[in-house]
PDB file of N, CA and C in Angstrom:
ATOM      1  N   UNK A   1      28.143 -10.218  45.759  1.00  0.00           N
ATOM      2  CA  UNK A   1      26.722 -10.146  46.037  1.00  0.00           C
ATOM      3  C   UNK A   1      26.159  -8.744  45.776  1.00  0.00           C
ATOM      4  N   UNK A   2      26.938  -7.737  46.033  1.00  0.00           N
ATOM      5  CA  UNK A   2      26.462  -6.378  45.803  1.00  0.00           C
ATOM      6  C   UNK A   2      26.099  -6.173  44.339  1.00  0.00           C
ATOM      7  N   UNK A   3      26.806  -6.823  43.430  1.00  0.00           N
ATOM      8  CA  UNK A   3      26.522  -6.680  42.011  1.00  0.00           C
ATOM      9  C   UNK A   3      25.182  -7.321  41.663  1.00  0.00           C
ATOM     10  N   UNK A   4      24.927  -8.500  42.176  1.00  0.00           N
ATOM     11  CA  UNK A   4      23.651  -9.180  41.925  1.00  0.00           C
ATOM     12  C   UNK A   4      22.500  -8.366  42.509  1.00  0.00           C
ATOM     13  N   UNK A   5      22.704  -7.841  43.714  1.00  0.00           N
ATOM     14  CA  UNK A   5      21.658  -7.047  44.363  1.00  0.00           C
ATOM     15  C   UNK A   5      21.361  -5.799  43.532  1.00  0.00           C
ATOM     16  N   UNK A   6      22.399  -5.139  43.032  1.00  0.00           N
ATOM     17  CA  UNK A   6      22.209  -3.957  42.182  1.00  0.00           C
ATOM     18  C   UNK A   6      21.455  -4.314  40.903  1.00  0.00           C
ATOM     19  N   UNK A   7      21.835  -5.434  40.298  1.00  0.00           N
ATOM     20  CA  UNK A   7      21.181  -5.886  39.071  1.00  0.00           C
ATOM     21  C   UNK A   7      19.687  -6.103  39.305  1.00  0.00           C
ATOM     22  N   UNK A   8      19.329  -6.788  40.373  1.00  0.00           N
ATOM     23  CA  UNK A   8      17.921  -7.059  40.679  1.00  0.00           C
ATOM     24  C   UNK A   8      17.169  -5.760  40.933  1.00  0.00           C
ATOM     25  N   UNK A   9      17.750  -4.878  41.728  1.00  0.00           N
ATOM     26  CA  UNK A   9      17.096  -3.601  42.014  1.00  0.00           C
ATOM     27  C   UNK A   9      16.911  -2.768  40.746  1.00  0.00           C
ATOM     28  N   UNK A  10      17.931  -2.733  39.893  1.00  0.00           N
ATOM     29  CA  UNK A  10      17.818  -1.983  38.637  1.00  0.00           C
ATOM     30  C   UNK A  10      16.772  -2.584  37.715  1.00  0.00           C
ATOM     31  N   UNK A  11      16.716  -3.901  37.650  1.00  0.00           N
ATOM     32  CA  UNK A  11      15.743  -4.580  36.794  1.00  0.00           C
ATOM     33  C   UNK A  11      14.324  -4.304  37.267  1.00  0.00           C
ATOM     34  N   UNK A  12      14.102  -4.428  38.570  1.00  0.00           N
ATOM     35  CA  UNK A  12      12.767  -4.176  39.130  1.00  0.00           C
ATOM     36  C   UNK A  12      12.379  -2.720  38.931  1.00  0.00           C
ATOM     37  N   UNK A  13      13.314  -1.808  39.150  1.00  0.00           N
ATOM     38  CA  UNK A  13      13.034  -0.382  38.967  1.00  0.00           C
ATOM     39  C   UNK A  13      12.691  -0.074  37.511  1.00  0.00           C
ATOM     40  N   UNK A  14      13.446  -0.645  36.584  1.00  0.00           N
ATOM     41  CA  UNK A  14      13.190  -0.417  35.157  1.00  0.00           C
ATOM     42  C   UNK A  14      11.831  -0.962  34.744  1.00  0.00           C
ATOM     43  N   UNK A  15      11.504  -2.139  35.239  1.00  0.00           N
ATOM     44  CA  UNK A  15      10.205  -2.740  34.916  1.00  0.00           C
ATOM     45  C   UNK A  15       9.067  -1.883  35.449  1.00  0.00           C
ATOM     46  N   UNK A  16       9.230  -1.347  36.657  1.00  0.00           N
ATOM     47  CA  UNK A  16       8.196  -0.496  37.249  1.00  0.00           C
ATOM     48  C   UNK A  16       8.000   0.769  36.428  1.00  0.00           C
ATOM     49  N   UNK A  17       9.094   1.361  35.962  1.00  0.00           N
ATOM     50  CA  UNK A  17       8.998   2.571  35.136  1.00  0.00           C
ATOM     51  C   UNK A  17       8.290   2.266  33.821  1.00  0.00           C
ATOM     52  N   UNK A  18       8.629   1.164  33.175  1.00  0.00           N
ATOM     53  CA  UNK A  18       7.990   0.792  31.909  1.00  0.00           C
ATOM     54  C   UNK A  18       6.504   0.524  32.097  1.00  0.00           C
ATOM     55  N   UNK A  19       6.147  -0.150  33.167  1.00  0.00           N
ATOM     56  CA  UNK A  19       4.736  -0.451  33.428  1.00  0.00           C
ATOM     57  C   UNK A  19       3.951   0.829  33.681  1.00  0.00           C
ATOM     58  N   UNK A  20       4.552   1.777  34.395  1.00  0.00           N
ATOM     59  CA  UNK A  20       3.874   3.039  34.685  1.00  0.00           C
ATOM     60  C   UNK A  20       3.696   3.868  33.419  1.00  0.00           C
ATOM     61  N   UNK A  21       4.604   3.743  32.474  1.00  0.00           N
ATOM     62  CA  UNK A  21       4.544   4.529  31.239  1.00  0.00           C
ATOM     63  C   UNK A  21       3.577   3.954  30.218  1.00  0.00           C
ATOM     64  N   UNK A  22       3.171   2.693  30.384  1.00  0.00           N
ATOM     65  CA  UNK A  22       2.281   2.040  29.440  1.00  0.00           C
ATOM     66  C   UNK A  22       0.846   2.158  29.926  1.00  0.00           C
ATOM     67  N   UNK A  23      -0.053   2.759  29.143  1.00  0.00           N
ATOM     68  CA  UNK A  23      -1.442   2.865  29.575  1.00  0.00           C
ATOM     69  C   UNK A  23      -2.074   1.479  29.658  1.00  0.00           C
ATOM     70  N   UNK A  24      -2.837   1.262  30.725  1.00  0.00           N
ATOM     71  CA  UNK A  24      -3.454  -0.043  30.931  1.00  0.00           C
ATOM     72  C   UNK A  24      -4.533  -0.329  29.903  1.00  0.00           C
ATOM     73  N   UNK A  25      -5.327   0.645  29.590  1.00  0.00           N
ATOM     74  CA  UNK A  25      -6.416   0.437  28.646  1.00  0.00           C
ATOM     75  C   UNK A  25      -6.125   1.128  27.332  1.00  0.00           C
ATOM     76  N   UNK A  26      -5.040   0.774  26.689  1.00  0.00           N
ATOM     77  CA  UNK A  26      -4.688   1.409  25.423  1.00  0.00           C
ATOM     78  C   UNK A  26      -5.850   1.244  24.446  1.00  0.00           C
ATOM     79  N   UNK A  27      -6.364   2.358  23.983  1.00  0.00           N
ATOM     80  CA  UNK A  27      -7.524   2.336  23.104  1.00  0.00           C
ATOM     81  C   UNK A  27      -7.142   1.821  21.721  1.00  0.00           C
ATOM     82  N   UNK A  28      -8.003   1.003  21.151  1.00  0.00           N
ATOM     83  CA  UNK A  28      -7.760   0.546  19.784  1.00  0.00           C
ATOM     84  C   UNK A  28      -8.254   1.625  18.836  1.00  0.00           C
ATOM     85  N   UNK A  29      -7.771   1.615  17.609  1.00  0.00           N
ATOM     86  CA  UNK A  29      -8.214   2.631  16.640  1.00  0.00           C
ATOM     87  C   UNK A  29      -9.726   2.567  16.437  1.00  0.00           C
ATOM     88  N   UNK A  30     -10.276   3.674  16.003  1.00  0.00           N
ATOM     89  CA  UNK A  30     -11.712   3.755  15.744  1.00  0.00           C
ATOM     90  C   UNK A  30     -12.076   2.917  14.521  1.00  0.00           C
ATOM     91  N   UNK A  31     -13.300   2.460  14.503  1.00  0.00           N
ATOM     92  CA  UNK A  31     -13.811   1.735  13.338  1.00  0.00           C
ATOM     93  C   UNK A  31     -14.195   2.738  12.255  1.00  0.00           C
ATOM     94  N   UNK A  32     -13.931   2.373  11.023  1.00  0.00           N
ATOM     95  CA  UNK A  32     -14.264   3.241   9.895  1.00  0.00           C
ATOM     96  C   UNK A  32     -15.777   3.278   9.727  1.00  0.00           C
ATOM     97  N   UNK A  33     -16.316   4.476   9.766  1.00  0.00           N
ATOM     98  CA  UNK A  33     -17.753   4.671   9.558  1.00  0.00           C
ATOM     99  C   UNK A  33     -18.006   4.870   8.071  1.00  0.00           C
ATOM    100  N   UNK A  34     -19.125   4.391   7.601  1.00  0.00           N
ATOM    101  CA  UNK A  34     -19.467   4.527   6.176  1.00  0.00           C
ATOM    102  C   UNK A  34     -19.640   5.977   5.768  1.00  0.00           C
ATOM    103  N   UNK A  35     -19.861   6.859   6.743  1.00  0.00           N
ATOM    104  CA  UNK A  35     -20.039   8.287   6.461  1.00  0.00           C
ATOM    105  C   UNK A  35     -18.723   9.064   6.447  1.00  0.00           C
ATOM    106  N   UNK A  36     -17.627   8.418   6.821  1.00  0.00           N
ATOM    107  CA  UNK A  36     -16.305   9.051   6.809  1.00  0.00           C
ATOM    108  C   UNK A  36     -15.989   9.440   5.357  1.00  0.00           C
ATOM    109  N   UNK A  37     -15.420  10.632   5.122  1.00  0.00           N
ATOM    110  CA  UNK A  37     -15.129  11.066   3.745  1.00  0.00           C
ATOM    111  C   UNK A  37     -14.287  10.062   2.942  1.00  0.00           C
ATOM    112  N   UNK A  38     -13.322   9.407   3.590  1.00  0.00           N
ATOM    113  CA  UNK A  38     -12.516   8.400   2.893  1.00  0.00           C
ATOM    114  C   UNK A  38     -13.392   7.218   2.497  1.00  0.00           C
ATOM    115  N   UNK A  39     -14.257   6.793   3.411  1.00  0.00           N
ATOM    116  CA  UNK A  39     -15.154   5.666   3.134  1.00  0.00           C
ATOM    117  C   UNK A  39     -16.105   5.994   1.987  1.00  0.00           C
ATOM    118  N   UNK A  40     -16.617   7.204   1.985  1.00  0.00           N
ATOM    119  CA  UNK A  40     -17.541   7.617   0.914  1.00  0.00           C
ATOM    120  C   UNK A  40     -16.813   7.605  -0.430  1.00  0.00           C
ATOM    121  N   UNK A  41     -15.600   8.143  -0.467  1.00  0.00           N
ATOM    122  CA  UNK A  41     -14.841   8.195  -1.721  1.00  0.00           C
ATOM    123  C   UNK A  41     -14.514   6.799  -2.244  1.00  0.00           C
ATOM    124  N   UNK A  42     -14.274   5.851  -1.331  1.00  0.00           N
ATOM    125  CA  UNK A  42     -13.931   4.481  -1.736  1.00  0.00           C
ATOM    126  C   UNK A  42     -15.148   3.577  -1.892  1.00  0.00           C
ATOM    127  N   UNK A  43     -16.322   4.087  -1.575  1.00  0.00           N
ATOM    128  CA  UNK A  43     -17.525   3.258  -1.651  1.00  0.00           C
ATOM    129  C   UNK A  43     -17.543   2.196  -0.574  1.00  0.00           C
ATOM    130  N   UNK A  44     -16.842   2.422   0.548  1.00  0.00           N
ATOM    131  CA  UNK A  44     -16.745   1.430   1.620  1.00  0.00           C
ATOM    132  C   UNK A  44     -18.102   1.155   2.254  1.00  0.00           C
ATOM    133  N   UNK A  45     -18.371  -0.119   2.428  1.00  0.00           N
ATOM    134  CA  UNK A  45     -19.556  -0.578   3.158  1.00  0.00           C
ATOM    135  C   UNK A  45     -19.096  -1.607   4.176  1.00  0.00           C
ATOM    136  N   UNK A  46     -19.682  -1.566   5.380  1.00  0.00           N
ATOM    137  CA  UNK A  46     -19.363  -2.551   6.418  1.00  0.00           C
ATOM    138  C   UNK A  46     -19.828  -3.950   6.026  1.00  0.00           C
ATOM    139  N   UNK A  47     -20.836  -4.006   5.175  1.00  0.00           N
ATOM    140  CA  UNK A  47     -21.359  -5.278   4.664  1.00  0.00           C
ATOM    141  C   UNK A  47     -21.235  -5.226   3.146  1.00  0.00           C
ATOM    142  N   UNK A  48     -20.387  -6.077   2.604  1.00  0.00           N
ATOM    143  CA  UNK A  48     -20.081  -6.038   1.167  1.00  0.00           C
ATOM    144  C   UNK A  48     -21.318  -6.147   0.286  1.00  0.00           C
ATOM    145  N   UNK A  49     -22.309  -6.901   0.701  1.00  0.00           N
ATOM    146  CA  UNK A  49     -23.511  -7.089  -0.115  1.00  0.00           C
ATOM    147  C   UNK A  49     -24.292  -5.792  -0.322  1.00  0.00           C
ATOM    148  N   UNK A  50     -23.989  -4.750   0.452  1.00  0.00           N
ATOM    149  CA  UNK A  50     -24.709  -3.478   0.336  1.00  0.00           C
ATOM    150  C   UNK A  50     -24.037  -2.476  -0.598  1.00  0.00           C
ATOM    151  N   UNK A  51     -22.985  -2.901  -1.293  1.00  0.00           N
ATOM    152  CA  UNK A  51     -22.269  -2.013  -2.221  1.00  0.00           C
ATOM    153  C   UNK A  51     -23.183  -1.634  -3.375  1.00  0.00           C
ATOM    154  N   UNK A  52     -23.137  -0.366  -3.757  1.00  0.00           N
ATOM    155  CA  UNK A  52     -23.904   0.133  -4.896  1.00  0.00           C
ATOM    156  C   UNK A  52     -23.175  -0.294  -6.176  1.00  0.00           C
ATOM    157  N   UNK A  53     -23.653  -1.360  -6.823  1.00  0.00           N
ATOM    158  CA  UNK A  53     -22.962  -1.905  -8.003  1.00  0.00           C
ATOM    159  C   UNK A  53     -23.086  -0.994  -9.219  1.00  0.00           C
ATOM    160  N   UNK A  54     -24.053  -0.100  -9.223  1.00  0.00           N
ATOM    161  CA  UNK A  54     -24.164   0.871 -10.313  1.00  0.00           C
ATOM    162  C   UNK A  54     -23.000   1.863 -10.230  1.00  0.00           C
ATOM    163  N   UNK A  55     -22.683   2.279  -9.019  1.00  0.00           N
ATOM    164  CA  UNK A  55     -21.598   3.239  -8.816  1.00  0.00           C
ATOM    165  C   UNK A  55     -20.239   2.550  -8.825  1.00  0.00           C
ATOM    166  N   UNK A  56     -20.171   1.308  -8.347  1.00  0.00           N
ATOM    167  CA  UNK A  56     -18.919   0.562  -8.263  1.00  0.00           C
ATOM    168  C   UNK A  56     -19.056  -0.781  -8.986  1.00  0.00           C
ATOM    169  N   UNK A  57     -19.004  -0.768 -10.317  1.00  0.00           N
ATOM    170  CA  UNK A  57     -19.191  -1.997 -11.095  1.00  0.00           C
ATOM    171  C   UNK A  57     -18.062  -3.015 -10.923  1.00  0.00           C
ATOM    172  N   UNK A  58     -16.950  -2.618 -10.284  1.00  0.00           N
ATOM    173  CA  UNK A  58     -15.855  -3.561 -10.060  1.00  0.00           C
ATOM    174  C   UNK A  58     -16.154  -4.525  -8.911  1.00  0.00           C
ATOM    175  N   UNK A  59     -17.204  -4.234  -8.142  1.00  0.00           N
ATOM    176  CA  UNK A  59     -17.562  -5.128  -7.040  1.00  0.00           C
ATOM    177  C   UNK A  59     -18.033  -6.470  -7.592  1.00  0.00           C
ATOM    178  N   UNK A  60     -17.539  -7.529  -6.984  1.00  0.00           N
ATOM    179  CA  UNK A  60     -17.943  -8.888  -7.342  1.00  0.00           C
ATOM    180  C   UNK A  60     -18.449  -9.554  -6.074  1.00  0.00           C
ATOM    181  N   UNK A  61     -19.595 -10.186  -6.172  1.00  0.00           N
ATOM    182  CA  UNK A  61     -20.164 -10.886  -5.021  1.00  0.00           C
ATOM    183  C   UNK A  61     -19.142 -11.879  -4.462  1.00  0.00           C
ATOM    184  N   UNK A  62     -18.943 -11.858  -3.148  1.00  0.00           N
ATOM    185  CA  UNK A  62     -17.977 -12.745  -2.516  1.00  0.00           C
ATOM    186  C   UNK A  62     -16.657 -12.076  -2.203  1.00  0.00           C
ATOM    187  N   UNK A  63     -16.406 -10.923  -2.817  1.00  0.00           N
ATOM    188  CA  UNK A  63     -15.194 -10.170  -2.501  1.00  0.00           C
ATOM    189  C   UNK A  63     -15.487  -9.333  -1.260  1.00  0.00           C
ATOM    190  N   UNK A  64     -14.699  -9.505  -0.228  1.00  0.00           N
ATOM    191  CA  UNK A  64     -14.853  -8.713   0.977  1.00  0.00           C
ATOM    192  C   UNK A  64     -13.476  -8.424   1.555  1.00  0.00           C
ATOM    193  N   UNK A  65     -13.429  -7.619   2.597  1.00  0.00           N
ATOM    194  CA  UNK A  65     -12.143  -7.184   3.160  1.00  0.00           C
ATOM    195  C   UNK A  65     -11.267  -8.349   3.615  1.00  0.00           C
ATOM    196  N   UNK A  66     -11.860  -9.397   4.176  1.00  0.00           N
ATOM    197  CA  UNK A  66     -11.016 -10.497   4.658  1.00  0.00           C
ATOM    198  C   UNK A  66     -10.304 -11.208   3.514  1.00  0.00           C
ATOM    199  N   UNK A  67     -10.767 -11.060   2.287  1.00  0.00           N
ATOM    200  CA  UNK A  67     -10.113 -11.645   1.124  1.00  0.00           C
ATOM    201  C   UNK A  67      -9.228 -10.660   0.382  1.00  0.00           C
ATOM    202  N   UNK A  68      -9.053  -9.465   0.986  1.00  0.00           N
ATOM    203  CA  UNK A  68      -8.265  -8.403   0.344  1.00  0.00           C
ATOM    204  C   UNK A  68      -6.835  -8.390   0.876  1.00  0.00           C
ATOM    205  N   UNK A  69      -5.924  -8.133  -0.016  1.00  0.00           N
ATOM    206  CA  UNK A  69      -4.495  -8.058   0.315  1.00  0.00           C
ATOM    207  C   UNK A  69      -4.195  -6.926   1.301  1.00  0.00           C
ATOM    208  N   UNK A  70      -5.008  -5.886   1.320  1.00  0.00           N
ATOM    209  CA  UNK A  70      -4.770  -4.719   2.163  1.00  0.00           C
ATOM    210  C   UNK A  70      -5.296  -4.885   3.585  1.00  0.00           C
ATOM    211  N   UNK A  71      -6.125  -5.896   3.830  1.00  0.00           N
ATOM    212  CA  UNK A  71      -6.696  -6.160   5.155  1.00  0.00           C
ATOM    213  C   UNK A  71      -5.613  -6.763   6.037  1.00  0.00           C
ATOM    214  N   UNK A  72      -5.311  -6.144   7.167  1.00  0.00           N
ATOM    215  CA  UNK A  72      -4.154  -6.513   7.978  1.00  0.00           C
ATOM    216  C   UNK A  72      -4.525  -7.221   9.281  1.00  0.00           C
ATOM    217  N   UNK A  73      -5.378  -8.213   9.204  1.00  0.00           N
ATOM    218  CA  UNK A  73      -5.754  -8.971  10.404  1.00  0.00           C
ATOM    219  C   UNK A  73      -4.640  -9.940  10.766  1.00  0.00           C
ATOM    220  N   UNK A  74      -4.334 -10.005  12.050  1.00  0.00           N
ATOM    221  CA  UNK A  74      -3.297 -10.928  12.522  1.00  0.00           C
ATOM    222  C   UNK A  74      -3.845 -12.349  12.619  1.00  0.00           C
ATOM    223  N   UNK A  75      -5.118 -12.445  12.862  1.00  0.00           N
ATOM    224  CA  UNK A  75      -5.766 -13.753  12.996  1.00  0.00           C
ATOM    225  C   UNK A  75      -7.134 -13.686  12.359  1.00  0.00           C
ATOM    226  N   UNK A  76      -8.133 -14.073  13.099  1.00  0.00           N
ATOM    227  CA  UNK A  76      -9.489 -14.056  12.559  1.00  0.00           C
ATOM    228  C   UNK A  76     -10.318 -12.894  13.066  1.00  0.00           C
ATOM    229  N   UNK A  77      -9.693 -11.735  13.321  1.00  0.00           N
ATOM    230  CA  UNK A  77     -10.429 -10.588  13.841  1.00  0.00           C
ATOM    231  C   UNK A  77     -11.533 -10.151  12.879  1.00  0.00           C
ATOM    232  N   UNK A  78     -12.637  -9.686  13.451  1.00  0.00           N
ATOM    233  CA  UNK A  78     -13.736  -9.155  12.649  1.00  0.00           C
ATOM    234  C   UNK A  78     -13.398  -7.740  12.169  1.00  0.00           C
ATOM    235  N   UNK A  79     -12.673  -6.974  12.973  1.00  0.00           N
ATOM    236  CA  UNK A  79     -12.259  -5.614  12.624  1.00  0.00           C
ATOM    237  C   UNK A  79     -10.738  -5.553  12.683  1.00  0.00           C
ATOM    238  N   UNK A  80     -10.109  -5.001  11.660  1.00  0.00           N
ATOM    239  CA  UNK A  80      -8.646  -4.933  11.606  1.00  0.00           C
ATOM    240  C   UNK A  80      -8.220  -3.720  10.773  1.00  0.00           C
ATOM    241  N   UNK A  81      -6.954  -3.329  10.884  1.00  0.00           N
ATOM    242  CA  UNK A  81      -6.450  -2.207  10.086  1.00  0.00           C
ATOM    243  C   UNK A  81      -6.450  -2.530   8.586  1.00  0.00           C
ATOM    244  N   UNK A  82      -6.463  -1.469   7.801  1.00  0.00           N
ATOM    245  CA  UNK A  82      -6.425  -1.589   6.341  1.00  0.00           C
ATOM    246  C   UNK A  82      -5.304  -0.697   5.825  1.00  0.00           C
ATOM    247  N   UNK A  83      -4.597  -1.151   4.818  1.00  0.00           N
ATOM    248  CA  UNK A  83      -3.505  -0.385   4.243  1.00  0.00           C
ATOM    249  C   UNK A  83      -3.930   0.908   3.570  1.00  0.00           C
ATOM    250  N   UNK A  84      -5.187   1.035   3.219  1.00  0.00           N
ATOM    251  CA  UNK A  84      -5.678   2.232   2.538  1.00  0.00           C
ATOM    252  C   UNK A  84      -6.207   3.272   3.526  1.00  0.00           C
ATOM    253  N   UNK A  85      -6.654   2.828   4.674  1.00  0.00           N
ATOM    254  CA  UNK A  85      -7.285   3.715   5.656  1.00  0.00           C
ATOM    255  C   UNK A  85      -6.462   3.695   6.950  1.00  0.00           C
ATOM    256  N   UNK A  86      -5.388   4.457   7.034  1.00  0.00           N
ATOM    257  CA  UNK A  86      -4.535   4.425   8.221  1.00  0.00           C
ATOM    258  C   UNK A  86      -5.260   4.930   9.470  1.00  0.00           C
ATOM    259  N   UNK A  87      -5.019   4.252  10.573  1.00  0.00           N
ATOM    260  CA  UNK A  87      -5.584   4.678  11.846  1.00  0.00           C
ATOM    261  C   UNK A  87      -7.018   4.279  12.087  1.00  0.00           C
ATOM    262  N   UNK A  88      -7.611   3.513  11.191  1.00  0.00           N
ATOM    263  CA  UNK A  88      -8.998   3.081  11.356  1.00  0.00           C
ATOM    264  C   UNK A  88      -9.075   1.573  11.128  1.00  0.00           C
ATOM    265  N   UNK A  89     -10.091   0.962  11.707  1.00  0.00           N
ATOM    266  CA  UNK A  89     -10.330  -0.465  11.518  1.00  0.00           C
ATOM    267  C   UNK A  89     -11.477  -0.654  10.534  1.00  0.00           C
ATOM    268  N   UNK A  90     -11.370  -1.666   9.681  1.00  0.00           N
ATOM    269  CA  UNK A  90     -12.449  -1.980   8.733  1.00  0.00           C
ATOM    270  C   UNK A  90     -13.002  -3.365   9.050  1.00  0.00           C
ATOM    271  N   UNK A  91     -14.219  -3.585   8.649  1.00  0.00           N
ATOM    272  CA  UNK A  91     -14.910  -4.847   8.914  1.00  0.00           C
ATOM    273  C   UNK A  91     -14.455  -5.913   7.923  1.00  0.00           C
ATOM    274  N   UNK A  92     -14.189  -7.113   8.431  1.00  0.00           N
ATOM    275  CA  UNK A  92     -13.760  -8.232   7.574  1.00  0.00           C
ATOM    276  C   UNK A  92     -14.802  -8.532   6.496  1.00  0.00           C
ATOM    277  N   UNK A  93     -16.056  -8.255   6.787  1.00  0.00           N
ATOM    278  CA  UNK A  93     -17.124  -8.510   5.827  1.00  0.00           C
ATOM    279  C   UNK A  93     -17.445  -7.321   4.945  1.00  0.00           C
ATOM    280  N   UNK A  94     -16.630  -6.262   5.033  1.00  0.00           N
ATOM    281  CA  UNK A  94     -16.866  -5.054   4.256  1.00  0.00           C
ATOM    282  C   UNK A  94     -16.225  -5.113   2.875  1.00  0.00           C
ATOM    283  N   UNK A  95     -16.298  -4.002   2.153  1.00  0.00           N
ATOM    284  CA  UNK A  95     -15.701  -3.897   0.817  1.00  0.00           C
ATOM    285  C   UNK A  95     -15.477  -2.430   0.502  1.00  0.00           C
ATOM    286  N   UNK A  96     -14.444  -2.147  -0.332  1.00  0.00           N
ATOM    287  CA  UNK A  96     -14.246  -0.813  -0.897  1.00  0.00           C
ATOM    288  C   UNK A  96     -13.610  -0.956  -2.273  1.00  0.00           C
ATOM    289  N   UNK A  97     -13.554   0.140  -3.004  1.00  0.00           N
ATOM    290  CA  UNK A  97     -13.055   0.135  -4.380  1.00  0.00           C
ATOM    291  C   UNK A  97     -11.554  -0.169  -4.480  1.00  0.00           C
ATOM    292  N   UNK A  98     -10.831  -0.140  -3.349  1.00  0.00           N
ATOM    293  CA  UNK A  98      -9.400  -0.431  -3.366  1.00  0.00           C
ATOM    294  C   UNK A  98      -9.125  -1.938  -3.221  1.00  0.00           C
ATOM    295  N   UNK A  99     -10.158  -2.755  -3.232  1.00  0.00           N
ATOM    296  CA  UNK A  99     -10.030  -4.189  -3.001  1.00  0.00           C
ATOM    297  C   UNK A  99      -9.039  -4.830  -3.993  1.00  0.00           C
ATOM    298  N   UNK A 100      -8.091  -5.629  -3.430  1.00  0.00           N
ATOM    299  CA  UNK A 100      -7.089  -6.337  -4.224  1.00  0.00           C
ATOM    300  C   UNK A 100      -7.060  -7.784  -3.715  1.00  0.00           C
ATOM    301  N   UNK A 101      -7.126  -8.744  -4.631  1.00  0.00           N
ATOM    302  CA  UNK A 101      -7.166 -10.152  -4.236  1.00  0.00           C
ATOM    303  C   UNK A 101      -5.938 -10.535  -3.425  1.00  0.00           C
ATOM    304  N   UNK A 102      -6.183 -11.204  -2.301  1.00  0.00           N
ATOM    305  CA  UNK A 102      -5.099 -11.714  -1.453  1.00  0.00           C
ATOM    306  C   UNK A 102      -4.403 -12.849  -2.190  1.00  0.00           C
ATOM    307  N   UNK A 103      -3.089 -12.819  -2.183  1.00  0.00           N
ATOM    308  CA  UNK A 103      -2.312 -13.839  -2.898  1.00  0.00           C
ATOM    309  C   UNK A 103      -2.304 -15.161  -2.172  1.00  0.00           C
TER     310      UNK A 103
END
């Protein structure tokens, strides 16, 4: 019985330490602003229809981040990480010059 009691106490103690070490309100990454230098260089817009087609002639109507291979949404999130912009979230309805068709 002493072994089972030790196991339970160790398990509860370990769980308490892990819970204390994990922040309750872990902040999600910031959303990419159109004024961010990376966004400006890529021609990123939160709304794909607002892309300057004179400056970015590769833009095609209907192409947006949710249809891009680099958009890393786990489900149907409106904002998700992008492979080109580490540490920031991009809008599913946005677009940038790094757009690659999702397979």
